Amino acid sequence: MSLRMALLTLISSGGPSSGYDINQELNGILKFVWHAKPTQVYPELRRLAAEGLIREQAEGPRGRRPYEITEMGLEVLGEWLTTTSADHSQRNETILRSFALWLVEPEEAQAFLREEMEYHRVRLRGMRVLRNGLDPSRPADRASMLGLEAGIRRLEAMVSWAEWAIDAVAAWPTDTDGEPAPKRRADACRTVADPSLLISKESRANDHEHRRRGGAHHHP
């Protein structure tokens, strides 16, 4: 999804909006969907206006100039909804970091997970407040409720996952193969620098298993 579609969606759903209003919305109702900095939003608004997809209204309170969507903008938005497929690519640093938590001590991993759990709980409370403020009699709000509910359920899942992960890490041994986290990190660095170390380690393990099975064979 491009930034322009996010902006057109916000302006069509929320009515005339200034750049400031849009940035507030991106940090609120659409925070879990799309992230953009003000330095990206304002130039894109100017491009949309130049293309005739939105128009700037007269200056309002506090010197703000709200934008409203045009008929052409609604057509572009409708075409995007009906002729293109959703982009399912996404990044999630929380999950990415979880794959590397074997490199730290269990207490450090749990501290990270608790921080993530609290972060998602705070966002979840905020999303529920936004949902409760919607007016089901407005078509745009009814559609917004669909998106907010998706965000709420995703956040609930992340909170549940973090709770489970904290308990899972609590069951980990205090070290792995007798090696503290700093030693594991050092070993990982050496393995990256010299992949033969990994092969040697696997070979030693295979030799040990072979000898163990051979000993069992000679002692029925």
Protein backbone atom coordinates (compact mmCIF):
# COMPACT_ATOMS: atom_id res chain seq x y z
CA MET A 1 0.00 0.00 0.00
CA SER A 2 1.32 3.42 -0.92
CA LEU A 3 1.25 6.46 1.33
CA ARG A 4 -1.08 8.22 -1.06
CA MET A 5 -3.76 5.57 -0.59
CA ALA A 6 -3.44 5.88 3.16
CA LEU A 7 -3.92 9.66 2.88
CA LEU A 8 -6.84 9.38 0.48
CA THR A 9 -8.48 6.86 2.79
CA LEU A 10 -8.10 9.13 5.81
CA ILE A 11 -9.41 12.21 4.02
CA SER A 12 -12.37 10.36 2.45
CA SER A 13 -13.35 8.72 5.75
CA GLY A 14 -12.74 11.56 8.18
CA GLY A 15 -13.77 14.51 6.07
CA PRO A 16 -11.66 17.64 5.42
CA SER A 17 -8.36 17.26 7.24
CA SER A 18 -5.25 19.37 7.57
CA GLY A 19 -1.76 17.94 7.46
CA TYR A 20 -1.67 18.16 11.24
CA ASP A 21 -4.98 16.28 11.56
CA ILE A 22 -3.71 13.55 9.25
CA ASN A 23 -0.50 13.10 11.22
CA GLN A 24 -2.59 12.73 14.38
CA GLU A 25 -4.71 10.07 12.70
CA LEU A 26 -1.62 8.20 11.50
CA ASN A 27 -0.49 8.07 15.11
CA GLY A 28 -3.95 6.98 16.25
CA ILE A 29 -6.46 4.97 14.28
CA LEU A 30 -3.98 3.89 11.58
CA LYS A 31 -0.89 3.45 13.74
CA PHE A 32 -0.95 -0.33 13.48
CA VAL A 33 -1.49 -0.16 9.70
CA TRP A 34 0.71 2.57 8.29
CA HIS A 35 3.60 4.62 9.61
CA ALA A 36 4.71 7.87 8.00
CA LYS A 37 6.66 10.87 9.20
CA PRO A 38 5.38 14.45 8.76
CA THR A 39 8.26 15.02 6.35
CA GLN A 40 6.66 12.36 4.13
CA VAL A 41 3.04 13.38 4.62
CA TYR A 42 3.20 17.06 3.65
CA PRO A 43 5.00 16.59 0.30
CA GLU A 44 2.60 13.78 -0.62
CA LEU A 45 -0.40 15.98 0.17
CA ARG A 46 0.98 18.62 -2.16
CA ARG A 47 1.43 16.02 -4.91
CA LEU A 48 -2.13 14.74 -4.46
CA ALA A 49 -3.43 18.30 -4.70
CA ALA A 50 -1.37 18.96 -7.82
CA GLU A 51 -2.84 15.83 -9.43
CA GLY A 52 -6.38 16.92 -8.57
CA LEU A 53 -7.08 14.04 -6.18
CA ILE A 54 -7.61 16.39 -3.22
CA ARG A 55 -8.19 20.12 -2.96
CA GLU A 56 -7.14 22.60 -0.32
CA GLN A 57 -9.91 24.51 1.41
CA ALA A 58 -9.80 28.01 2.84
CA GLU A 59 -7.62 28.61 5.86
CA GLY A 60 -9.30 27.51 9.07
CA PRO A 61 -8.60 27.88 12.80
CA ARG A 62 -4.94 28.18 13.82
CA GLY A 63 -3.97 28.78 10.22
CA ARG A 64 -4.62 25.22 9.16
CA ARG A 65 -5.70 24.51 5.59
CA PRO A 66 -7.82 21.33 5.44
CA TYR A 67 -7.85 19.09 2.39
CA GLU A 68 -10.95 17.42 0.98
CA ILE A 69 -11.05 14.56 -1.49
CA THR A 70 -12.26 15.26 -5.05
CA GLU A 71 -14.39 13.11 -7.33
CA MET A 72 -11.21 12.06 -9.12
CA GLY A 73 -9.67 11.11 -5.80
CA LEU A 74 -12.70 8.96 -4.94
CA GLU A 75 -12.44 7.24 -8.32
CA VAL A 76 -8.75 6.47 -7.77
CA LEU A 77 -9.50 5.14 -4.29
CA GLY A 78 -12.36 3.00 -5.60
CA GLU A 79 -10.19 1.61 -8.40
CA TRP A 80 -7.47 0.73 -5.87
CA LEU A 81 -10.04 -1.12 -3.73
CA THR A 82 -11.58 -3.10 -6.60
CA THR A 83 -8.74 -3.79 -9.04
CA THR A 84 -5.68 -4.45 -6.87
CA SER A 85 -4.84 -7.08 -4.28
CA ALA A 86 -3.74 -6.22 -0.76
CA ASP A 87 -0.01 -6.07 -0.08
CA HIS A 88 0.63 -8.63 2.65
CA SER A 89 4.31 -7.84 3.15
CA GLN A 90 5.07 -6.54 6.62
CA ARG A 91 7.88 -6.20 9.15
CA ASN A 92 7.66 -7.07 12.82
CA GLU A 93 10.81 -6.36 14.80
CA THR A 94 9.34 -7.84 17.98
CA ILE A 95 9.09 -11.27 16.37
CA LEU A 96 12.44 -10.86 14.62
CA ARG A 97 14.14 -10.17 17.97
CA SER A 98 12.45 -13.19 19.53
CA PHE A 99 14.39 -15.45 17.15
CA ALA A 100 17.65 -14.10 18.60
CA LEU A 101 16.76 -14.32 22.30
CA TRP A 102 18.89 -17.45 22.70
CA LEU A 103 21.88 -15.07 22.70
CA VAL A 104 20.88 -13.44 26.01
CA GLU A 105 20.19 -14.71 29.49
CA PRO A 106 16.61 -15.85 30.25
CA GLU A 107 16.14 -12.89 32.62
CA GLU A 108 17.07 -10.49 29.81
CA ALA A 109 14.74 -12.26 27.39
CA GLN A 110 11.88 -12.02 29.90
CA ALA A 111 12.57 -8.32 30.46
CA PHE A 112 12.27 -7.72 26.72
CA LEU A 113 9.04 -9.72 26.54
CA ARG A 114 7.50 -7.87 29.50
CA GLU A 115 8.32 -4.55 27.85
CA GLU A 116 6.65 -5.70 24.64
CA MET A 117 3.63 -7.01 26.54
CA GLU A 118 3.12 -3.66 28.27
CA TYR A 119 3.59 -1.75 25.00
CA HIS A 120 0.89 -3.78 23.29
CA ARG A 121 -1.42 -3.50 26.30
CA VAL A 122 -1.19 0.30 26.18
CA ARG A 123 -1.90 0.34 22.45
CA LEU A 124 -4.78 -2.07 22.97
CA ARG A 125 -6.41 0.26 25.48
CA GLY A 126 -6.04 3.15 23.07
CA MET A 127 -7.57 1.20 20.18
CA ARG A 128 -10.55 0.23 22.29
CA VAL A 129 -11.12 3.88 23.18
CA LEU A 130 -11.04 4.78 19.48
CA ARG A 131 -13.50 1.98 18.67
CA ASN A 132 -15.90 3.10 21.38
CA GLY A 133 -15.85 6.62 19.92
CA LEU A 134 -17.13 5.55 16.50
CA ASP A 135 -20.66 6.30 15.34
CA PRO A 136 -22.24 3.18 13.75
CA SER A 137 -24.76 5.40 11.94
CA ARG A 138 -21.94 6.80 9.76
CA PRO A 139 -20.90 4.56 6.83
CA ALA A 140 -17.26 5.64 7.18
CA ASP A 141 -17.29 4.80 10.90
CA ARG A 142 -18.81 1.40 10.23
CA ALA A 143 -15.92 0.64 7.88
CA SER A 144 -13.43 2.07 10.37
CA MET A 145 -14.82 -0.33 12.96
CA LEU A 146 -13.76 -3.24 10.73
CA GLY A 147 -10.18 -1.98 10.60
CA LEU A 148 -10.05 -1.15 14.30
CA GLU A 149 -11.38 -4.57 15.24
CA ALA A 150 -8.59 -6.16 13.18
CA GLY A 151 -6.05 -4.06 15.05
CA ILE A 152 -7.59 -4.87 18.43
CA ARG A 153 -7.55 -8.60 17.74
CA ARG A 154 -3.96 -8.44 16.54
CA LEU A 155 -2.90 -6.59 19.68
CA GLU A 156 -4.79 -9.07 21.86
CA ALA A 157 -2.89 -11.86 20.13
CA MET A 158 0.45 -10.11 20.74
CA VAL A 159 -0.35 -9.66 24.44
CA SER A 160 -1.33 -13.32 24.70
CA TRP A 161 1.83 -14.37 22.86
CA ALA A 162 4.04 -12.27 25.15
CA GLU A 163 2.40 -13.78 28.26
CA TRP A 164 3.00 -17.27 26.88
CA ALA A 165 6.58 -16.46 25.84
CA ILE A 166 7.46 -15.17 29.32
CA ASP A 167 6.32 -18.48 30.82
CA ALA A 168 8.14 -20.42 28.12
CA VAL A 169 11.42 -18.61 28.80
CA ALA A 170 10.97 -19.21 32.53
CA ALA A 171 11.25 -22.93 31.77
CA TRP A 172 14.56 -22.48 29.93
CA PRO A 173 17.73 -23.68 31.74
CA THR A 174 19.90 -20.91 33.15
CA ASP A 175 22.43 -21.68 30.43
CA THR A 176 22.64 -23.72 27.25
CA ASP A 177 25.05 -26.67 27.16
CA GLY A 178 26.75 -25.14 30.18
CA GLU A 179 27.57 -21.96 28.28
CA PRO A 180 26.50 -18.50 29.54
CA ALA A 181 25.08 -16.01 27.05
CA PRO A 182 28.36 -14.08 26.47
CA LYS A 183 30.09 -17.38 25.60
CA ARG A 184 27.27 -18.32 23.20
CA ARG A 185 27.55 -14.94 21.48
CA ALA A 186 31.32 -15.33 21.16
CA ASP A 187 30.89 -18.84 19.74
CA ALA A 188 28.30 -17.55 17.27
CA CYS A 189 30.71 -14.83 16.10
CA ARG A 190 33.50 -17.37 15.61
CA THR A 191 31.18 -19.68 13.68
CA VAL A 192 30.18 -16.85 11.34
CA ALA A 193 33.82 -15.92 10.82
CA ASP A 194 34.86 -19.57 10.27
CA PRO A 195 32.00 -21.89 9.18
CA SER A 196 34.35 -24.88 9.49
CA LEU A 197 33.93 -24.55 13.26
CA LEU A 198 30.28 -25.48 12.88
CA ILE A 199 31.22 -28.49 10.75
CA SER A 200 33.81 -29.57 13.30
CA LYS A 201 31.29 -29.31 16.12
CA GLU A 202 28.77 -31.39 14.19
CA SER A 203 31.45 -33.94 13.32
CA ARG A 204 32.41 -34.32 16.97
CA ALA A 205 28.78 -34.86 17.90
CA ASN A 206 28.36 -37.47 15.17
CA ASP A 207 31.54 -39.28 16.23
CA HIS A 208 30.34 -39.33 19.82
CA GLU A 209 26.97 -40.77 18.77
CA HIS A 210 28.68 -43.37 16.58
CA ARG A 211 30.93 -44.51 19.43
CA ARG A 212 27.97 -44.64 21.82
CA ARG A 213 25.98 -46.85 19.47
CA GLY A 214 29.01 -49.01 18.75
CA GLY A 215 29.53 -49.57 22.48
CA ALA A 216 25.92 -50.58 22.87
CA HIS A 217 26.35 -53.11 20.02
CA HIS A 218 29.25 -54.90 21.80
CA HIS A 219 27.33 -55.20 25.05
CA PRO A 220 24.01 -56.93 24.35
